[in-house]
Amino acid sequence: MAAAEVSQSWSLSYKGMSSDNIKGLVLALSSSFFIGASFIVKKKGLKKAGASGIRAGVGGYSYLYEPLWWVGMITMIVGEIANFAAYAFAPAILVTPLGALSIIISAVLAHIILKEKLHIFGILGCALCVVGSTTIVLHAPQEREIESVKEVWDLATEPGFLLYAGVVLTAVFILIFHYIPQYGQTHIMVYIGVCSLVGSLSVMSVKALGIALKLTLSGMNQLVYPQTWAFTIVVITCIITQMNYLNKALDTFNTAVVSPIYYVMFTSLTILASVIMFKDWDRQNPTQIVTEMCGFVTILSGTFLLHKTKDMADGSCTSPSMRHSKHTDEEDGFEHEGIPLRRQDSMR
C-alpha cells in the first residue's frame, strides 16, 4: 500500500517529457552524432589528401580536392542544422550540455577507425558524460509555450535579461580593448572569455530565430515582424565575433586545453542566460534544479577526464597559462587534431 502511494506521488511529480522536448532531444542527439563523426571523416580525408599532396599542417590545401573531406564537411553542416533546430523545440538547459556527447562519438570512432588509443580513464570519461546527460534529460524543464516571436522579444527586453546583456557587453569590450592587447598571447581565459560571453547571447538569439522559423513553417508567418530580423542580425554579429576569437585561441593554445575550458564557460553562461531570459527554473522545484546541476557537473568531469587522458596518450601535459606553439602540434607533417567539442565549430 505504501509502495503504491509512493509510486503515485512520484508519477504526479514527474510528468514526463513534452513532445517538443522529445523532438529537441532527438535533434540534439543527432547533431552530436553527425558532428562527432564529421571530425573523423575529415581527418581521414586530410590524411588521404596529405598522402598525395601538400598536407594541411604545412599550409597545403589539397584536401579541398578530396571528396572524403567534403563528406565530413557536409556531415558537420547537417549536424549544425540539427543543433539549430533543436533550440526551437527544447530549452537551452537541455540542448547545450548534450554537446559533450559529440566528443564521445569522436573518441569511440577514432579508437575504431583511426586506431587511436582510448585510455581506460577515457572510457570512464565517456561513461560520466552519458550519465550526466541522462540525468539532465530526465529532469530538464518543459519548453515554454510561445505563440509569436514578439513574446521572445518581450522576454529579451525584460530588465533582468537587459542587465545580463549589458554586463556581458561591458565585459566583452573591456576584454577586447584592454586585456587582449596585453594578455591575449599568454592567458587563455582572455580569448575564451570573449567567445563564451558572446556565445551565451548568440544561443539566446539562435533560439529566438529557431522559434520564429518553426512558427513560420507551421503557418504563422513571423518574417513580417522586425523582431525576427533583429534577432538575425544579433546571431550573425555574435557568431562572427565568437568564431574570430575562438580561432585566435585555437591558433595560440593547444586544442586539448581550449576545448574543455571553452565547453565549461560557454555552457555555464548559456544556462545562466537561458534561466534569466526564459525563466527555465521557474517551472521546476529545487530537487529538479539540484539534480540538473549534478548532471552538468558530471558531464564536466567526464569532459575533463577525456581530454586529460588524451594528453596522457599523447605523452604531453600542457598548462593552461602556457602558449603552445603551432609546430609542436604537428604530427607527421600535418596539424595535430584534437577531438574538439561541438561549440568550436558552431555558435554554441
C-alpha atoms as a PDB file:
ATOM      1  CA  MET A   1       0.000   0.000   0.000  1.00  0.00           C
ATOM      2  CA  ALA A   2       2.797   2.392   0.966  1.00  0.00           C
ATOM      3  CA  ALA A   3       4.708   1.476  -2.185  1.00  0.00           C
ATOM      4  CA  ALA A   4       1.642   2.239  -4.286  1.00  0.00           C
ATOM      5  CA  GLU A   5       1.295   5.655  -2.654  1.00  0.00           C
ATOM      6  CA  VAL A   6       4.979   6.440  -3.261  1.00  0.00           C
ATOM      7  CA  SER A   7       4.627   5.363  -6.891  1.00  0.00           C
ATOM      8  CA  GLN A   8       1.539   7.521  -7.346  1.00  0.00           C
ATOM      9  CA  SER A   9       3.251  10.510  -5.714  1.00  0.00           C
ATOM     10  CA  TRP A  10       6.286  10.087  -7.992  1.00  0.00           C
ATOM     11  CA  SER A  11       4.118   9.861 -11.105  1.00  0.00           C
ATOM     12  CA  LEU A  12       2.347  13.078 -10.152  1.00  0.00           C
ATOM     13  CA  SER A  13       5.599  14.950  -9.579  1.00  0.00           C
ATOM     14  CA  TYR A  14       7.201  13.659 -12.773  1.00  0.00           C
ATOM     15  CA  LYS A  15       5.036  14.415 -15.791  1.00  0.00           C
ATOM     16  CA  GLY A  16       7.484  13.140 -18.351  1.00  0.00           C
ATOM     17  CA  MET A  17       8.916  14.920 -21.374  1.00  0.00           C
ATOM     18  CA  SER A  18       6.728  17.004 -23.652  1.00  0.00           C
ATOM     19  CA  SER A  19       6.595  16.222 -27.368  1.00  0.00           C
ATOM     20  CA  ASP A  20       8.648  19.355 -28.102  1.00  0.00           C
ATOM     21  CA  ASN A  21      11.329  18.320 -25.605  1.00  0.00           C
ATOM     22  CA  ILE A  22      11.491  14.878 -27.219  1.00  0.00           C
ATOM     23  CA  LYS A  23      11.910  16.455 -30.669  1.00  0.00           C
ATOM     24  CA  GLY A  24      14.635  18.735 -29.330  1.00  0.00           C
ATOM     25  CA  LEU A  25      16.362  15.793 -27.644  1.00  0.00           C
ATOM     26  CA  VAL A  26      16.340  13.699 -30.816  1.00  0.00           C
ATOM     27  CA  LEU A  27      17.691  16.625 -32.849  1.00  0.00           C
ATOM     28  CA  ALA A  28      20.409  17.342 -30.248  1.00  0.00           C
ATOM     29  CA  LEU A  29      21.493  13.682 -30.169  1.00  0.00           C
ATOM     30  CA  SER A  30      21.501  13.547 -33.972  1.00  0.00           C
ATOM     31  CA  SER A  31      23.584  16.714 -34.034  1.00  0.00           C
ATOM     32  CA  SER A  32      26.128  15.201 -31.633  1.00  0.00           C
ATOM     33  CA  PHE A  33      26.396  12.061 -33.783  1.00  0.00           C
ATOM     34  CA  PHE A  34      26.854  13.931 -37.066  1.00  0.00           C
ATOM     35  CA  ILE A  35      29.325  16.464 -35.655  1.00  0.00           C
ATOM     36  CA  GLY A  36      31.307  13.829 -33.750  1.00  0.00           C
ATOM     37  CA  ALA A  37      31.531  11.630 -36.849  1.00  0.00           C
ATOM     38  CA  SER A  38      32.438  14.573 -39.093  1.00  0.00           C
ATOM     39  CA  PHE A  39      35.775  15.127 -37.315  1.00  0.00           C
ATOM     40  CA  ILE A  40      36.799  11.542 -38.013  1.00  0.00           C
ATOM     41  CA  VAL A  41      35.720  11.655 -41.659  1.00  0.00           C
ATOM     42  CA  LYS A  42      37.504  14.973 -42.192  1.00  0.00           C
ATOM     43  CA  LYS A  43      40.672  13.653 -40.574  1.00  0.00           C
ATOM     44  CA  LYS A  44      40.574  10.602 -42.847  1.00  0.00           C
ATOM     45  CA  GLY A  45      40.209  12.983 -45.776  1.00  0.00           C
ATOM     46  CA  LEU A  46      43.143  15.085 -44.565  1.00  0.00           C
ATOM     47  CA  LYS A  47      45.345  12.013 -44.272  1.00  0.00           C
ATOM     48  CA  LYS A  48      44.341  10.789 -47.723  1.00  0.00           C
ATOM     49  CA  ALA A  49      44.922  14.202 -49.274  1.00  0.00           C
ATOM     50  CA  GLY A  50      48.251  14.578 -47.464  1.00  0.00           C
ATOM     51  CA  ALA A  51      49.484  11.301 -48.910  1.00  0.00           C
ATOM     52  CA  SER A  52      49.291  12.682 -52.448  1.00  0.00           C
ATOM     53  CA  GLY A  53      49.811  16.417 -51.953  1.00  0.00           C
ATOM     54  CA  ILE A  54      50.901  19.145 -49.545  1.00  0.00           C
ATOM     55  CA  ARG A  55      49.488  18.488 -46.102  1.00  0.00           C
ATOM     56  CA  ALA A  56      47.244  20.980 -44.336  1.00  0.00           C
ATOM     57  CA  GLY A  57      49.619  21.264 -41.376  1.00  0.00           C
ATOM     58  CA  VAL A  58      52.307  22.810 -43.591  1.00  0.00           C
ATOM     59  CA  GLY A  59      49.993  25.176 -45.447  1.00  0.00           C
ATOM     60  CA  GLY A  60      48.613  22.912 -48.170  1.00  0.00           C
ATOM     61  CA  TYR A  61      45.039  22.938 -49.491  1.00  0.00           C
ATOM     62  CA  SER A  62      44.995  19.638 -51.375  1.00  0.00           C
ATOM     63  CA  TYR A  63      42.255  18.421 -49.038  1.00  0.00           C
ATOM     64  CA  LEU A  64      39.832  20.725 -50.891  1.00  0.00           C
ATOM     65  CA  TYR A  65      40.078  18.288 -53.802  1.00  0.00           C
ATOM     66  CA  GLU A  66      39.470  15.265 -51.610  1.00  0.00           C
ATOM     67  CA  PRO A  67      35.813  14.008 -51.716  1.00  0.00           C
ATOM     68  CA  LEU A  68      36.146  12.349 -48.304  1.00  0.00           C
ATOM     69  CA  TRP A  69      36.934  15.698 -46.660  1.00  0.00           C
ATOM     70  CA  TRP A  70      33.846  17.233 -48.233  1.00  0.00           C
ATOM     71  CA  VAL A  71      31.753  14.326 -46.967  1.00  0.00           C
ATOM     72  CA  GLY A  72      32.967  15.202 -43.470  1.00  0.00           C
ATOM     73  CA  MET A  73      32.215  18.880 -44.040  1.00  0.00           C
ATOM     74  CA  ILE A  74      28.684  18.150 -45.246  1.00  0.00           C
ATOM     75  CA  THR A  75      28.165  15.847 -42.273  1.00  0.00           C
ATOM     76  CA  MET A  76      29.159  18.671 -39.926  1.00  0.00           C
ATOM     77  CA  ILE A  77      26.784  21.105 -41.654  1.00  0.00           C
ATOM     78  CA  VAL A  78      23.929  18.610 -41.239  1.00  0.00           C
ATOM     79  CA  GLY A  79      24.818  18.337 -37.547  1.00  0.00           C
ATOM     80  CA  GLU A  80      24.811  22.104 -37.105  1.00  0.00           C
ATOM     81  CA  ILE A  81      21.418  22.386 -38.793  1.00  0.00           C
ATOM     82  CA  ALA A  82      20.063  19.740 -36.410  1.00  0.00           C
ATOM     83  CA  ASN A  83      21.570  21.635 -33.491  1.00  0.00           C
ATOM     84  CA  PHE A  84      19.967  24.871 -34.672  1.00  0.00           C
ATOM     85  CA  ALA A  85      16.579  23.146 -34.968  1.00  0.00           C
ATOM     86  CA  ALA A  86      16.918  21.576 -31.502  1.00  0.00           C
ATOM     87  CA  TYR A  87      16.860  25.018 -29.868  1.00  0.00           C
ATOM     88  CA  ALA A  88      13.479  25.714 -31.496  1.00  0.00           C
ATOM     89  CA  PHE A  89      11.902  22.790 -29.640  1.00  0.00           C
ATOM     90  CA  ALA A  90      13.740  22.345 -26.337  1.00  0.00           C
ATOM     91  CA  PRO A  91      15.180  24.668 -23.656  1.00  0.00           C
ATOM     92  CA  ALA A  92      18.873  25.560 -23.861  1.00  0.00           C
ATOM     93  CA  ILE A  93      19.453  23.902 -20.484  1.00  0.00           C
ATOM     94  CA  LEU A  94      18.626  20.577 -22.199  1.00  0.00           C
ATOM     95  CA  VAL A  95      20.284  21.100 -25.602  1.00  0.00           C
ATOM     96  CA  THR A  96      23.568  22.842 -24.755  1.00  0.00           C
ATOM     97  CA  PRO A  97      25.104  20.321 -22.303  1.00  0.00           C
ATOM     98  CA  LEU A  98      24.441  17.483 -24.779  1.00  0.00           C
ATOM     99  CA  GLY A  99      27.186  18.974 -26.947  1.00  0.00           C
ATOM    100  CA  ALA A 100      29.620  16.943 -24.851  1.00  0.00           C
ATOM    101  CA  LEU A 101      28.265  13.746 -26.435  1.00  0.00           C
ATOM    102  CA  SER A 102      29.965  14.666 -29.712  1.00  0.00           C
ATOM    103  CA  ILE A 103      33.380  14.044 -28.108  1.00  0.00           C
ATOM    104  CA  ILE A 104      32.228  10.566 -27.100  1.00  0.00           C
ATOM    105  CA  ILE A 105      31.314   9.825 -30.711  1.00  0.00           C
ATOM    106  CA  SER A 106      34.673  11.212 -31.849  1.00  0.00           C
ATOM    107  CA  ALA A 107      36.626   9.268 -29.234  1.00  0.00           C
ATOM    108  CA  VAL A 108      34.909   5.958 -29.981  1.00  0.00           C
ATOM    109  CA  LEU A 109      35.141   6.326 -33.761  1.00  0.00           C
ATOM    110  CA  ALA A 110      38.781   7.441 -33.506  1.00  0.00           C
ATOM    111  CA  HIS A 111      39.500   4.287 -31.494  1.00  0.00           C
ATOM    112  CA  ILE A 112      37.729   2.061 -34.043  1.00  0.00           C
ATOM    113  CA  ILE A 113      38.526   3.745 -37.369  1.00  0.00           C
ATOM    114  CA  LEU A 114      41.741   5.690 -36.785  1.00  0.00           C
ATOM    115  CA  LYS A 115      43.169   3.149 -34.323  1.00  0.00           C
ATOM    116  CA  GLU A 116      43.828   5.897 -31.765  1.00  0.00           C
ATOM    117  CA  LYS A 117      44.224   4.502 -28.272  1.00  0.00           C
ATOM    118  CA  LEU A 118      41.339   5.185 -25.887  1.00  0.00           C
ATOM    119  CA  HIS A 119      42.701   5.112 -22.329  1.00  0.00           C
ATOM    120  CA  ILE A 120      40.723   3.267 -19.651  1.00  0.00           C
ATOM    121  CA  PHE A 121      40.072   6.590 -17.923  1.00  0.00           C
ATOM    122  CA  GLY A 122      38.878   7.923 -21.271  1.00  0.00           C
ATOM    123  CA  ILE A 123      36.230   5.212 -21.249  1.00  0.00           C
ATOM    124  CA  LEU A 124      35.291   6.316 -17.732  1.00  0.00           C
ATOM    125  CA  GLY A 125      35.033   9.898 -19.012  1.00  0.00           C
ATOM    126  CA  CYS A 126      32.639   8.746 -21.746  1.00  0.00           C
ATOM    127  CA  ALA A 127      30.533   6.938 -19.156  1.00  0.00           C
ATOM    128  CA  LEU A 128      30.388  10.058 -16.959  1.00  0.00           C
ATOM    129  CA  CYS A 129      29.226  12.156 -19.920  1.00  0.00           C
ATOM    130  CA  VAL A 130      26.466   9.649 -20.663  1.00  0.00           C
ATOM    131  CA  VAL A 131      25.338   9.528 -17.033  1.00  0.00           C
ATOM    132  CA  GLY A 132      25.357  13.316 -16.723  1.00  0.00           C
ATOM    133  CA  SER A 133      23.481  13.767 -19.998  1.00  0.00           C
ATOM    134  CA  THR A 134      20.863  11.208 -18.988  1.00  0.00           C
ATOM    135  CA  THR A 135      20.360  12.989 -15.662  1.00  0.00           C
ATOM    136  CA  ILE A 136      19.800  16.332 -17.382  1.00  0.00           C
ATOM    137  CA  VAL A 137      17.448  14.828 -19.971  1.00  0.00           C
ATOM    138  CA  LEU A 138      15.269  13.190 -17.313  1.00  0.00           C
ATOM    139  CA  HIS A 139      14.974  16.381 -15.243  1.00  0.00           C
ATOM    140  CA  ALA A 140      15.006  19.112 -17.916  1.00  0.00           C
ATOM    141  CA  PRO A 141      12.225  21.739 -17.723  1.00  0.00           C
ATOM    142  CA  GLN A 142       9.363  21.698 -20.194  1.00  0.00           C
ATOM    143  CA  GLU A 143       9.695  24.023 -23.160  1.00  0.00           C
ATOM    144  CA  ARG A 144       7.872  27.290 -22.733  1.00  0.00           C
ATOM    145  CA  GLU A 145       4.786  27.725 -24.952  1.00  0.00           C
ATOM    146  CA  ILE A 146       5.450  30.638 -27.313  1.00  0.00           C
ATOM    147  CA  GLU A 147       2.988  31.801 -29.959  1.00  0.00           C
ATOM    148  CA  SER A 148       4.924  34.668 -31.541  1.00  0.00           C
ATOM    149  CA  VAL A 149       8.456  35.999 -31.886  1.00  0.00           C
ATOM    150  CA  LYS A 150       7.135  39.119 -30.156  1.00  0.00           C
ATOM    151  CA  GLU A 151       6.858  37.075 -26.959  1.00  0.00           C
ATOM    152  CA  VAL A 152      10.547  36.187 -27.207  1.00  0.00           C
ATOM    153  CA  TRP A 153      11.373  39.853 -27.803  1.00  0.00           C
ATOM    154  CA  ASP A 154       9.402  40.786 -24.681  1.00  0.00           C
ATOM    155  CA  LEU A 155      11.419  38.241 -22.689  1.00  0.00           C
ATOM    156  CA  ALA A 156      14.674  39.607 -24.123  1.00  0.00           C
ATOM    157  CA  THR A 157      13.769  43.187 -23.193  1.00  0.00           C
ATOM    158  CA  GLU A 158      12.824  42.495 -19.588  1.00  0.00           C
ATOM    159  CA  PRO A 159      15.044  44.290 -17.015  1.00  0.00           C
ATOM    160  CA  GLY A 160      16.709  41.098 -15.799  1.00  0.00           C
ATOM    161  CA  PHE A 161      17.986  39.993 -19.207  1.00  0.00           C
ATOM    162  CA  LEU A 162      18.837  43.553 -20.283  1.00  0.00           C
ATOM    163  CA  LEU A 163      21.030  43.799 -17.180  1.00  0.00           C
ATOM    164  CA  TYR A 164      22.705  40.476 -18.059  1.00  0.00           C
ATOM    165  CA  ALA A 165      23.254  41.568 -21.680  1.00  0.00           C
ATOM    166  CA  GLY A 166      24.657  44.892 -20.506  1.00  0.00           C
ATOM    167  CA  VAL A 167      27.123  43.206 -18.151  1.00  0.00           C
ATOM    168  CA  VAL A 168      28.167  40.771 -20.908  1.00  0.00           C
ATOM    169  CA  LEU A 169      28.750  43.520 -23.489  1.00  0.00           C
ATOM    170  CA  THR A 170      30.682  45.632 -20.998  1.00  0.00           C
ATOM    171  CA  ALA A 171      32.892  42.692 -20.068  1.00  0.00           C
ATOM    172  CA  VAL A 172      33.467  41.835 -23.757  1.00  0.00           C
ATOM    173  CA  PHE A 173      34.531  45.391 -24.632  1.00  0.00           C
ATOM    174  CA  ILE A 174      36.885  45.516 -21.638  1.00  0.00           C
ATOM    175  CA  LEU A 175      38.448  42.178 -22.632  1.00  0.00           C
ATOM    176  CA  ILE A 176      38.818  43.144 -26.307  1.00  0.00           C
ATOM    177  CA  PHE A 177      40.216  46.648 -25.887  1.00  0.00           C
ATOM    178  CA  HIS A 178      42.125  46.366 -22.601  1.00  0.00           C
ATOM    179  CA  TYR A 179      43.139  42.788 -21.827  1.00  0.00           C
ATOM    180  CA  ILE A 180      43.591  41.123 -25.232  1.00  0.00           C
ATOM    181  CA  PRO A 181      46.362  43.510 -26.423  1.00  0.00           C
ATOM    182  CA  GLN A 182      48.312  42.824 -23.213  1.00  0.00           C
ATOM    183  CA  TYR A 183      47.478  39.247 -22.265  1.00  0.00           C
ATOM    184  CA  GLY A 184      45.905  37.600 -25.339  1.00  0.00           C
ATOM    185  CA  GLN A 185      49.052  35.649 -26.240  1.00  0.00           C
ATOM    186  CA  THR A 186      49.775  34.404 -22.716  1.00  0.00           C
ATOM    187  CA  HIS A 187      46.437  33.948 -20.887  1.00  0.00           C
ATOM    188  CA  ILE A 188      43.963  31.517 -22.414  1.00  0.00           C
ATOM    189  CA  MET A 189      40.999  32.854 -20.411  1.00  0.00           C
ATOM    190  CA  VAL A 190      41.024  36.186 -22.286  1.00  0.00           C
ATOM    191  CA  TYR A 191      40.080  34.786 -25.720  1.00  0.00           C
ATOM    192  CA  ILE A 192      37.808  32.117 -24.275  1.00  0.00           C
ATOM    193  CA  GLY A 193      36.103  34.697 -22.080  1.00  0.00           C
ATOM    194  CA  VAL A 194      35.065  36.713 -25.153  1.00  0.00           C
ATOM    195  CA  CYS A 195      33.899  33.574 -27.005  1.00  0.00           C
ATOM    196  CA  SER A 196      31.848  32.303 -24.071  1.00  0.00           C
ATOM    197  CA  LEU A 197      30.219  35.618 -23.146  1.00  0.00           C
ATOM    198  CA  VAL A 198      29.239  36.415 -26.729  1.00  0.00           C
ATOM    199  CA  GLY A 199      28.243  32.773 -27.256  1.00  0.00           C
ATOM    200  CA  SER A 200      25.637  32.908 -24.496  1.00  0.00           C
ATOM    201  CA  LEU A 201      23.923  35.813 -26.287  1.00  0.00           C
ATOM    202  CA  SER A 202      24.192  34.061 -29.649  1.00  0.00           C
ATOM    203  CA  VAL A 203      22.406  30.952 -28.342  1.00  0.00           C
ATOM    204  CA  MET A 204      19.514  33.033 -26.999  1.00  0.00           C
ATOM    205  CA  SER A 205      19.202  34.731 -30.392  1.00  0.00           C
ATOM    206  CA  VAL A 206      19.506  31.414 -32.227  1.00  0.00           C
ATOM    207  CA  LYS A 207      16.698  30.015 -30.098  1.00  0.00           C
ATOM    208  CA  ALA A 208      14.536  33.060 -30.868  1.00  0.00           C
ATOM    209  CA  LEU A 209      15.259  32.728 -34.588  1.00  0.00           C
ATOM    210  CA  GLY A 210      14.577  28.986 -34.477  1.00  0.00           C
ATOM    211  CA  ILE A 211      11.205  29.577 -32.803  1.00  0.00           C
ATOM    212  CA  ALA A 212      10.349  32.190 -35.457  1.00  0.00           C
ATOM    213  CA  LEU A 213      11.162  29.750 -38.264  1.00  0.00           C
ATOM    214  CA  LYS A 214       9.238  26.927 -36.572  1.00  0.00           C
ATOM    215  CA  LEU A 215       6.145  29.104 -36.241  1.00  0.00           C
ATOM    216  CA  THR A 216       6.534  30.329 -39.833  1.00  0.00           C
ATOM    217  CA  LEU A 217       6.678  26.775 -41.162  1.00  0.00           C
ATOM    218  CA  SER A 218       3.585  25.894 -39.134  1.00  0.00           C
ATOM    219  CA  GLY A 219       1.607  28.606 -40.894  1.00  0.00           C
ATOM    220  CA  MET A 220       2.138  31.636 -38.629  1.00  0.00           C
ATOM    221  CA  ASN A 221       4.452  33.898 -40.626  1.00  0.00           C
ATOM    222  CA  GLN A 222       6.982  35.563 -38.314  1.00  0.00           C
ATOM    223  CA  LEU A 223       9.134  37.032 -41.081  1.00  0.00           C
ATOM    224  CA  VAL A 224       6.908  40.099 -41.230  1.00  0.00           C
ATOM    225  CA  TYR A 225       7.978  41.155 -37.735  1.00  0.00           C
ATOM    226  CA  PRO A 226      11.090  43.362 -37.391  1.00  0.00           C
ATOM    227  CA  GLN A 227      12.000  41.442 -34.208  1.00  0.00           C
ATOM    228  CA  THR A 228      12.807  38.354 -36.324  1.00  0.00           C
ATOM    229  CA  TRP A 229      15.323  40.309 -38.385  1.00  0.00           C
ATOM    230  CA  ALA A 230      16.749  41.977 -35.288  1.00  0.00           C
ATOM    231  CA  PHE A 231      17.470  38.528 -33.817  1.00  0.00           C
ATOM    232  CA  THR A 232      19.018  37.522 -37.162  1.00  0.00           C
ATOM    233  CA  ILE A 233      21.426  40.473 -37.057  1.00  0.00           C
ATOM    234  CA  VAL A 234      22.379  39.628 -33.457  1.00  0.00           C
ATOM    235  CA  VAL A 235      23.013  35.990 -34.428  1.00  0.00           C
ATOM    236  CA  ILE A 236      25.278  36.928 -37.345  1.00  0.00           C
ATOM    237  CA  THR A 237      27.201  39.517 -35.318  1.00  0.00           C
ATOM    238  CA  CYS A 238      27.696  37.224 -32.335  1.00  0.00           C
ATOM    239  CA  ILE A 239      28.775  34.220 -34.404  1.00  0.00           C
ATOM    240  CA  ILE A 240      31.335  36.247 -36.394  1.00  0.00           C
ATOM    241  CA  THR A 241      32.781  37.675 -33.173  1.00  0.00           C
ATOM    242  CA  GLN A 242      32.723  34.317 -31.431  1.00  0.00           C
ATOM    243  CA  MET A 243      34.438  32.410 -34.238  1.00  0.00           C
ATOM    244  CA  ASN A 244      37.040  35.158 -34.710  1.00  0.00           C
ATOM    245  CA  TYR A 245      38.287  34.942 -31.129  1.00  0.00           C
ATOM    246  CA  LEU A 246      37.874  31.178 -30.958  1.00  0.00           C
ATOM    247  CA  ASN A 247      40.167  30.848 -33.965  1.00  0.00           C
ATOM    248  CA  LYS A 248      42.675  33.102 -32.207  1.00  0.00           C
ATOM    249  CA  ALA A 249      42.500  30.860 -29.120  1.00  0.00           C
ATOM    250  CA  LEU A 250      42.982  27.705 -31.183  1.00  0.00           C
ATOM    251  CA  ASP A 251      45.835  29.301 -33.117  1.00  0.00           C
ATOM    252  CA  THR A 252      47.610  30.317 -29.896  1.00  0.00           C
ATOM    253  CA  PHE A 253      46.923  27.471 -27.480  1.00  0.00           C
ATOM    254  CA  ASN A 254      46.655  23.694 -27.582  1.00  0.00           C
ATOM    255  CA  THR A 255      43.237  22.418 -28.682  1.00  0.00           C
ATOM    256  CA  ALA A 256      43.194  19.896 -25.840  1.00  0.00           C
ATOM    257  CA  VAL A 257      43.371  22.823 -23.408  1.00  0.00           C
ATOM    258  CA  VAL A 258      40.976  25.153 -25.233  1.00  0.00           C
ATOM    259  CA  SER A 259      38.206  22.573 -25.715  1.00  0.00           C
ATOM    260  CA  PRO A 260      37.271  21.676 -22.117  1.00  0.00           C
ATOM    261  CA  ILE A 261      37.704  25.220 -20.749  1.00  0.00           C
ATOM    262  CA  TYR A 262      35.585  26.669 -23.537  1.00  0.00           C
ATOM    263  CA  TYR A 263      32.913  23.999 -23.054  1.00  0.00           C
ATOM    264  CA  VAL A 264      32.663  24.733 -19.322  1.00  0.00           C
ATOM    265  CA  MET A 265      32.475  28.521 -19.683  1.00  0.00           C
ATOM    266  CA  PHE A 266      30.213  28.540 -22.729  1.00  0.00           C
ATOM    267  CA  THR A 267      27.740  26.007 -21.347  1.00  0.00           C
ATOM    268  CA  SER A 268      27.629  27.613 -17.884  1.00  0.00           C
ATOM    269  CA  LEU A 269      26.961  31.102 -19.283  1.00  0.00           C
ATOM    270  CA  THR A 270      24.394  29.769 -21.769  1.00  0.00           C
ATOM    271  CA  ILE A 271      22.457  28.028 -18.993  1.00  0.00           C
ATOM    272  CA  LEU A 272      22.607  31.222 -16.913  1.00  0.00           C
ATOM    273  CA  ALA A 273      21.341  33.317 -19.838  1.00  0.00           C
ATOM    274  CA  SER A 274      18.521  30.845 -20.508  1.00  0.00           C
ATOM    275  CA  VAL A 275      17.485  30.788 -16.858  1.00  0.00           C
ATOM    276  CA  ILE A 276      17.332  34.605 -16.832  1.00  0.00           C
ATOM    277  CA  MET A 277      15.613  35.093 -20.184  1.00  0.00           C
ATOM    278  CA  PHE A 278      13.275  32.110 -20.446  1.00  0.00           C
ATOM    279  CA  LYS A 279      12.948  31.558 -16.685  1.00  0.00           C
ATOM    280  CA  ASP A 280      13.500  27.803 -17.073  1.00  0.00           C
ATOM    281  CA  TRP A 281      13.821  27.196 -13.344  1.00  0.00           C
ATOM    282  CA  ASP A 282      10.520  28.920 -12.525  1.00  0.00           C
ATOM    283  CA  ARG A 283       8.772  25.773 -13.779  1.00  0.00           C
ATOM    284  CA  GLN A 284      10.839  23.410 -11.629  1.00  0.00           C
ATOM    285  CA  ASN A 285      11.194  22.502  -7.968  1.00  0.00           C
ATOM    286  CA  PRO A 286      14.520  22.743  -6.074  1.00  0.00           C
ATOM    287  CA  THR A 287      15.124  18.980  -6.313  1.00  0.00           C
ATOM    288  CA  GLN A 288      14.977  19.046 -10.109  1.00  0.00           C
ATOM    289  CA  ILE A 289      17.286  22.065 -10.287  1.00  0.00           C
ATOM    290  CA  VAL A 290      19.891  20.496  -7.992  1.00  0.00           C
ATOM    291  CA  THR A 291      19.702  17.231  -9.953  1.00  0.00           C
ATOM    292  CA  GLU A 292      20.282  19.088 -13.229  1.00  0.00           C
ATOM    293  CA  MET A 293      23.313  20.825 -11.763  1.00  0.00           C
ATOM    294  CA  CYS A 294      24.683  17.493 -10.557  1.00  0.00           C
ATOM    295  CA  GLY A 295      24.228  16.112 -14.072  1.00  0.00           C
ATOM    296  CA  PHE A 296      26.045  19.122 -15.513  1.00  0.00           C
ATOM    297  CA  VAL A 297      28.963  18.720 -13.099  1.00  0.00           C
ATOM    298  CA  THR A 298      29.123  15.024 -14.026  1.00  0.00           C
ATOM    299  CA  ILE A 299      29.404  15.950 -17.714  1.00  0.00           C
ATOM    300  CA  LEU A 300      32.148  18.463 -16.902  1.00  0.00           C
ATOM    301  CA  SER A 301      34.065  15.774 -15.012  1.00  0.00           C
ATOM    302  CA  GLY A 302      33.777  13.366 -17.916  1.00  0.00           C
ATOM    303  CA  THR A 303      34.853  16.034 -20.414  1.00  0.00           C
ATOM    304  CA  PHE A 304      37.990  16.981 -18.471  1.00  0.00           C
ATOM    305  CA  LEU A 305      38.823  13.323 -17.899  1.00  0.00           C
ATOM    306  CA  LEU A 306      38.551  12.586 -21.620  1.00  0.00           C
ATOM    307  CA  HIS A 307      40.890  15.421 -22.559  1.00  0.00           C
ATOM    308  CA  LYS A 308      43.298  14.685 -19.735  1.00  0.00           C
ATOM    309  CA  THR A 309      43.626  11.049 -20.782  1.00  0.00           C
ATOM    310  CA  LYS A 310      44.154  12.200 -24.354  1.00  0.00           C
ATOM    311  CA  ASP A 311      47.134  14.210 -23.094  1.00  0.00           C
ATOM    312  CA  MET A 312      48.356  11.062 -21.326  1.00  0.00           C
ATOM    313  CA  ALA A 313      48.045   9.080 -24.550  1.00  0.00           C
ATOM    314  CA  ASP A 314      49.934  11.768 -26.475  1.00  0.00           C
ATOM    315  CA  GLY A 315      52.596  11.908 -23.771  1.00  0.00           C
ATOM    316  CA  SER A 316      52.083  15.599 -23.157  1.00  0.00           C
ATOM    317  CA  CYS A 317      50.664  17.706 -20.348  1.00  0.00           C
ATOM    318  CA  THR A 318      50.086  21.354 -21.112  1.00  0.00           C
ATOM    319  CA  SER A 319      49.477  24.132 -18.614  1.00  0.00           C
ATOM    320  CA  PRO A 320      46.501  26.390 -19.459  1.00  0.00           C
ATOM    321  CA  SER A 321      48.620  29.503 -18.937  1.00  0.00           C
ATOM    322  CA  MET A 322      51.352  28.416 -21.352  1.00  0.00           C
ATOM    323  CA  ARG A 323      51.325  29.183 -25.028  1.00  0.00           C
ATOM    324  CA  HIS A 324      51.536  26.053 -27.168  1.00  0.00           C
ATOM    325  CA  SER A 325      53.422  26.805 -30.371  1.00  0.00           C
ATOM    326  CA  LYS A 326      51.931  25.589 -33.642  1.00  0.00           C
ATOM    327  CA  HIS A 327      54.887  23.480 -34.714  1.00  0.00           C
ATOM    328  CA  THR A 328      54.581  21.302 -31.605  1.00  0.00           C
ATOM    329  CA  ASP A 329      51.027  20.484 -32.645  1.00  0.00           C
ATOM    330  CA  GLU A 330      52.107  18.980 -35.915  1.00  0.00           C
ATOM    331  CA  GLU A 331      52.145  15.260 -36.306  1.00  0.00           C
ATOM    332  CA  ASP A 332      53.652  13.547 -39.334  1.00  0.00           C
ATOM    333  CA  GLY A 333      53.632  16.784 -41.283  1.00  0.00           C
ATOM    334  CA  PHE A 334      50.055  17.892 -40.736  1.00  0.00           C
ATOM    335  CA  GLU A 335      48.456  19.808 -37.930  1.00  0.00           C
ATOM    336  CA  HIS A 336      47.501  17.736 -34.929  1.00  0.00           C
ATOM    337  CA  GLU A 337      43.757  17.476 -34.483  1.00  0.00           C
ATOM    338  CA  GLY A 338      42.343  17.010 -31.024  1.00  0.00           C
ATOM    339  CA  ILE A 339      38.797  15.849 -30.507  1.00  0.00           C
ATOM    340  CA  PRO A 340      37.046  19.194 -30.335  1.00  0.00           C
ATOM    341  CA  LEU A 341      33.751  19.974 -28.682  1.00  0.00           C
ATOM    342  CA  ARG A 342      30.757  20.941 -30.777  1.00  0.00           C
ATOM    343  CA  ARG A 343      30.834  24.582 -29.940  1.00  0.00           C
ATOM    344  CA  GLN A 344      34.204  25.131 -31.548  1.00  0.00           C
ATOM    345  CA  ASP A 345      32.505  24.838 -34.910  1.00  0.00           C
ATOM    346  CA  SER A 346      29.193  26.492 -34.139  1.00  0.00           C
ATOM    347  CA  MET A 347      27.632  29.286 -32.127  1.00  0.00           C
ATOM    348  CA  ARG A 348      27.060  27.086 -29.075  1.00  0.00           C
END
